[in-house]
Amino acid sequence: MASISKDVLIESSAEDVWAVVGDFATGPSRMAPGFVADTRVEADHRVVTFANGTAVRERLVTVDHDARRIVYSVVGGSVEPDHDNASMQVVAEGERRCRLVWVRDVLPDGLAAPMAESMALGLAATKRAFDDTRDTGA
């Protein structure tokens, strides 16, 4: 199984970033506009549609508000690997700065490279969204 870990430093408070990342229902669309086109809840899953048209169905595994960590698994959509489990954690690095850590465990191993590339693009969009919010005072 391939394990991919990516992180990004965000110029915003951990509380502000967690308020979005920890929201299973709407988090992806709010944290990565332009990378994620739509997020909608269907029963106990969410369907995330990316700007490239790919849609995935995700099931919430757990949300730990104290640790600012959310865990989910991909269970369907237009790409259905043998296994895809992910966590995102927001770690404070001062009052107005935090690190978003995204870890994915995937099978088959051949999915690691394209997933790592996609994660890097998603984190870049997330950084832009939060850094832009801070800069504009929104």
C-alpha atoms as a PDB file:
ATOM      1  CA  MET A   1       0.000   0.000   0.000  1.00  0.00           C
ATOM      2  CA  ALA A   2       1.285   3.444  -0.899  1.00  0.00           C
ATOM      3  CA  SER A   3       1.164   6.152   1.743  1.00  0.00           C
ATOM      4  CA  ILE A   4       1.331   9.747   0.540  1.00  0.00           C
ATOM      5  CA  SER A   5       1.866  12.664   2.905  1.00  0.00           C
ATOM      6  CA  LYS A   6       1.693  16.302   1.809  1.00  0.00           C
ATOM      7  CA  ASP A   7       1.443  19.487   3.811  1.00  0.00           C
ATOM      8  CA  VAL A   8       1.210  23.225   3.303  1.00  0.00           C
ATOM      9  CA  LEU A   9       1.815  26.227   5.532  1.00  0.00           C
ATOM     10  CA  ILE A  10      -1.227  28.523   5.594  1.00  0.00           C
ATOM     11  CA  GLU A  11      -1.240  32.145   6.722  1.00  0.00           C
ATOM     12  CA  SER A  12      -4.449  31.849   8.740  1.00  0.00           C
ATOM     13  CA  SER A  13      -5.347  30.666  12.212  1.00  0.00           C
ATOM     14  CA  ALA A  14      -5.771  26.952  12.870  1.00  0.00           C
ATOM     15  CA  GLU A  15      -9.288  27.678  14.154  1.00  0.00           C
ATOM     16  CA  ASP A  16     -10.324  29.413  10.919  1.00  0.00           C
ATOM     17  CA  VAL A  17      -8.867  26.673   8.722  1.00  0.00           C
ATOM     18  CA  TRP A  18     -10.351  23.884  10.860  1.00  0.00           C
ATOM     19  CA  ALA A  19     -13.810  25.481  10.677  1.00  0.00           C
ATOM     20  CA  VAL A  20     -13.726  24.735   6.942  1.00  0.00           C
ATOM     21  CA  VAL A  21     -11.618  21.544   6.732  1.00  0.00           C
ATOM     22  CA  GLY A  22     -13.584  19.892   9.550  1.00  0.00           C
ATOM     23  CA  ASP A  23     -16.929  20.507   7.830  1.00  0.00           C
ATOM     24  CA  PHE A  24     -17.547  17.211   6.034  1.00  0.00           C
ATOM     25  CA  ALA A  25     -20.602  18.497   4.174  1.00  0.00           C
ATOM     26  CA  THR A  26     -19.118  21.570   2.489  1.00  0.00           C
ATOM     27  CA  GLY A  27     -15.419  21.651   3.378  1.00  0.00           C
ATOM     28  CA  PRO A  28     -13.894  20.620   0.036  1.00  0.00           C
ATOM     29  CA  SER A  29     -15.705  23.289  -2.004  1.00  0.00           C
ATOM     30  CA  ARG A  30     -14.931  26.006   0.524  1.00  0.00           C
ATOM     31  CA  MET A  31     -11.293  25.094   1.072  1.00  0.00           C
ATOM     32  CA  ALA A  32     -10.241  24.564  -2.559  1.00  0.00           C
ATOM     33  CA  PRO A  33     -12.396  26.672  -4.873  1.00  0.00           C
ATOM     34  CA  GLY A  34     -11.349  26.223  -8.473  1.00  0.00           C
ATOM     35  CA  PHE A  35      -9.920  22.782  -7.691  1.00  0.00           C
ATOM     36  CA  VAL A  36     -13.209  21.420  -6.302  1.00  0.00           C
ATOM     37  CA  ALA A  37     -16.282  22.360  -8.340  1.00  0.00           C
ATOM     38  CA  ASP A  38     -19.008  20.992  -6.039  1.00  0.00           C
ATOM     39  CA  THR A  39     -19.609  19.097  -2.804  1.00  0.00           C
ATOM     40  CA  ARG A  40     -22.984  17.631  -1.914  1.00  0.00           C
ATOM     41  CA  VAL A  41     -24.166  15.292   0.811  1.00  0.00           C
ATOM     42  CA  GLU A  42     -26.109  12.140  -0.050  1.00  0.00           C
ATOM     43  CA  ALA A  43     -27.239  10.223   3.036  1.00  0.00           C
ATOM     44  CA  ASP A  44     -24.073   9.370   5.012  1.00  0.00           C
ATOM     45  CA  HIS A  45     -21.666  10.165   2.150  1.00  0.00           C
ATOM     46  CA  ARG A  46     -20.515  13.244   0.305  1.00  0.00           C
ATOM     47  CA  VAL A  47     -19.922  13.476  -3.417  1.00  0.00           C
ATOM     48  CA  VAL A  48     -16.994  15.688  -4.345  1.00  0.00           C
ATOM     49  CA  THR A  49     -16.778  16.834  -7.963  1.00  0.00           C
ATOM     50  CA  PHE A  50     -13.449  18.229  -9.070  1.00  0.00           C
ATOM     51  CA  ALA A  51     -12.875  20.933 -11.674  1.00  0.00           C
ATOM     52  CA  ASN A  52     -11.648  18.288 -14.139  1.00  0.00           C
ATOM     53  CA  GLY A  53     -15.024  16.516 -13.933  1.00  0.00           C
ATOM     54  CA  THR A  54     -13.922  13.607 -11.741  1.00  0.00           C
ATOM     55  CA  ALA A  55     -16.454  12.791  -9.018  1.00  0.00           C
ATOM     56  CA  VAL A  56     -15.804  10.668  -5.942  1.00  0.00           C
ATOM     57  CA  ARG A  57     -18.072   9.401  -3.194  1.00  0.00           C
ATOM     58  CA  GLU A  58     -16.557   9.676   0.272  1.00  0.00           C
ATOM     59  CA  ARG A  59     -17.633   8.221   3.597  1.00  0.00           C
ATOM     60  CA  LEU A  60     -16.820   9.998   6.844  1.00  0.00           C
ATOM     61  CA  VAL A  61     -14.768   7.820   9.191  1.00  0.00           C
ATOM     62  CA  THR A  62     -14.227  10.252  12.083  1.00  0.00           C
ATOM     63  CA  VAL A  63     -13.915  13.885  13.062  1.00  0.00           C
ATOM     64  CA  ASP A  64     -11.745  14.791  16.053  1.00  0.00           C
ATOM     65  CA  HIS A  65     -12.329  18.467  16.839  1.00  0.00           C
ATOM     66  CA  ASP A  66      -9.759  18.494  19.671  1.00  0.00           C
ATOM     67  CA  ALA A  67      -7.000  17.219  17.362  1.00  0.00           C
ATOM     68  CA  ARG A  68      -8.433  19.140  14.366  1.00  0.00           C
ATOM     69  CA  ARG A  69      -8.362  15.920  12.335  1.00  0.00           C
ATOM     70  CA  ILE A  70     -10.862  14.463   9.870  1.00  0.00           C
ATOM     71  CA  VAL A  71     -10.663  10.988   8.324  1.00  0.00           C
ATOM     72  CA  TYR A  72     -12.616   9.786   5.307  1.00  0.00           C
ATOM     73  CA  SER A  73     -12.503   7.032   2.709  1.00  0.00           C
ATOM     74  CA  VAL A  74     -13.313   7.041  -0.978  1.00  0.00           C
ATOM     75  CA  VAL A  75     -15.981   4.430  -1.673  1.00  0.00           C
ATOM     76  CA  GLY A  76     -17.024   5.118  -5.222  1.00  0.00           C
ATOM     77  CA  GLY A  77     -17.298   7.623  -8.000  1.00  0.00           C
ATOM     78  CA  SER A  78     -15.656   7.764 -11.380  1.00  0.00           C
ATOM     79  CA  VAL A  79     -12.388   6.467  -9.874  1.00  0.00           C
ATOM     80  CA  GLU A  80     -12.693   3.461  -7.594  1.00  0.00           C
ATOM     81  CA  PRO A  81      -9.350   2.165  -6.308  1.00  0.00           C
ATOM     82  CA  ASP A  82      -9.001  -0.973  -4.210  1.00  0.00           C
ATOM     83  CA  HIS A  83      -8.421   1.216  -1.153  1.00  0.00           C
ATOM     84  CA  ASP A  84      -8.309   4.963  -0.548  1.00  0.00           C
ATOM     85  CA  ASN A  85      -8.320   6.282   3.005  1.00  0.00           C
ATOM     86  CA  ALA A  86      -7.328   9.849   3.888  1.00  0.00           C
ATOM     87  CA  SER A  87      -6.870  12.161   6.833  1.00  0.00           C
ATOM     88  CA  MET A  88      -6.471  15.910   7.063  1.00  0.00           C
ATOM     89  CA  GLN A  89      -5.144  17.569  10.177  1.00  0.00           C
ATOM     90  CA  VAL A  90      -4.725  21.260  10.967  1.00  0.00           C
ATOM     91  CA  VAL A  91      -1.747  22.016  13.219  1.00  0.00           C
ATOM     92  CA  ALA A  92      -1.291  25.476  14.744  1.00  0.00           C
ATOM     93  CA  GLU A  93       2.067  27.148  14.116  1.00  0.00           C
ATOM     94  CA  GLY A  94       1.433  30.393  15.917  1.00  0.00           C
ATOM     95  CA  GLU A  95      -1.625  32.603  16.290  1.00  0.00           C
ATOM     96  CA  ARG A  96      -2.137  33.398  12.566  1.00  0.00           C
ATOM     97  CA  ARG A  97      -0.400  30.464  10.890  1.00  0.00           C
ATOM     98  CA  CYS A  98      -1.037  26.744  10.646  1.00  0.00           C
ATOM     99  CA  ARG A  99      -0.021  23.672   8.701  1.00  0.00           C
ATOM    100  CA  LEU A 100      -2.533  21.483   6.870  1.00  0.00           C
ATOM    101  CA  VAL A 101      -1.295  17.886   6.719  1.00  0.00           C
ATOM    102  CA  TRP A 102      -3.008  15.528   4.258  1.00  0.00           C
ATOM    103  CA  VAL A 103      -2.208  11.797   4.327  1.00  0.00           C
ATOM    104  CA  ARG A 104      -3.644   9.208   1.925  1.00  0.00           C
ATOM    105  CA  ASP A 105      -3.154   5.448   1.907  1.00  0.00           C
ATOM    106  CA  VAL A 106      -4.007   3.926  -1.471  1.00  0.00           C
ATOM    107  CA  LEU A 107      -4.061   0.665  -3.372  1.00  0.00           C
ATOM    108  CA  PRO A 108      -2.971  -0.172  -5.925  1.00  0.00           C
ATOM    109  CA  ASP A 109       0.451   1.431  -5.519  1.00  0.00           C
ATOM    110  CA  GLY A 110       0.261   2.711  -9.103  1.00  0.00           C
ATOM    111  CA  LEU A 111      -2.233   5.349  -7.944  1.00  0.00           C
ATOM    112  CA  ALA A 112       0.339   7.007  -5.687  1.00  0.00           C
ATOM    113  CA  ALA A 113       1.931   9.304  -8.296  1.00  0.00           C
ATOM    114  CA  PRO A 114      -1.305  10.736  -9.758  1.00  0.00           C
ATOM    115  CA  MET A 115      -2.823  11.072  -6.270  1.00  0.00           C
ATOM    116  CA  ALA A 116       0.277  12.881  -4.987  1.00  0.00           C
ATOM    117  CA  GLU A 117       0.058  15.301  -7.904  1.00  0.00           C
ATOM    118  CA  SER A 118      -3.644  15.901  -7.278  1.00  0.00           C
ATOM    119  CA  MET A 119      -3.039  16.424  -3.557  1.00  0.00           C
ATOM    120  CA  ALA A 120      -0.338  19.013  -4.310  1.00  0.00           C
ATOM    121  CA  LEU A 121      -2.766  20.908  -6.574  1.00  0.00           C
ATOM    122  CA  GLY A 122      -5.499  20.719  -3.934  1.00  0.00           C
ATOM    123  CA  LEU A 123      -3.205  22.025  -1.204  1.00  0.00           C
ATOM    124  CA  ALA A 124      -2.051  24.882  -3.436  1.00  0.00           C
ATOM    125  CA  ALA A 125      -5.698  25.858  -4.035  1.00  0.00           C
ATOM    126  CA  THR A 126      -6.372  25.632  -0.309  1.00  0.00           C
ATOM    127  CA  LYS A 127      -3.414  27.853   0.518  1.00  0.00           C
ATOM    128  CA  ARG A 128      -4.574  30.432  -2.027  1.00  0.00           C
ATOM    129  CA  ALA A 129      -8.115  30.405  -0.631  1.00  0.00           C
ATOM    130  CA  PHE A 130      -7.071  30.940   2.976  1.00  0.00           C
ATOM    131  CA  ASP A 131      -4.164  33.294   2.298  1.00  0.00           C
ATOM    132  CA  ASP A 132      -6.411  35.376  -0.009  1.00  0.00           C
ATOM    133  CA  THR A 133      -9.113  35.521   2.662  1.00  0.00           C
ATOM    134  CA  ARG A 134      -6.596  36.810   5.173  1.00  0.00           C
ATOM    135  CA  ASP A 135      -5.165  39.364   2.754  1.00  0.00           C
ATOM    136  CA  THR A 136      -8.559  40.832   1.797  1.00  0.00           C
ATOM    137  CA  GLY A 137      -9.925  40.877   5.318  1.00  0.00           C
ATOM    138  CA  ALA A 138     -12.881  38.702   4.271  1.00  0.00           C
END
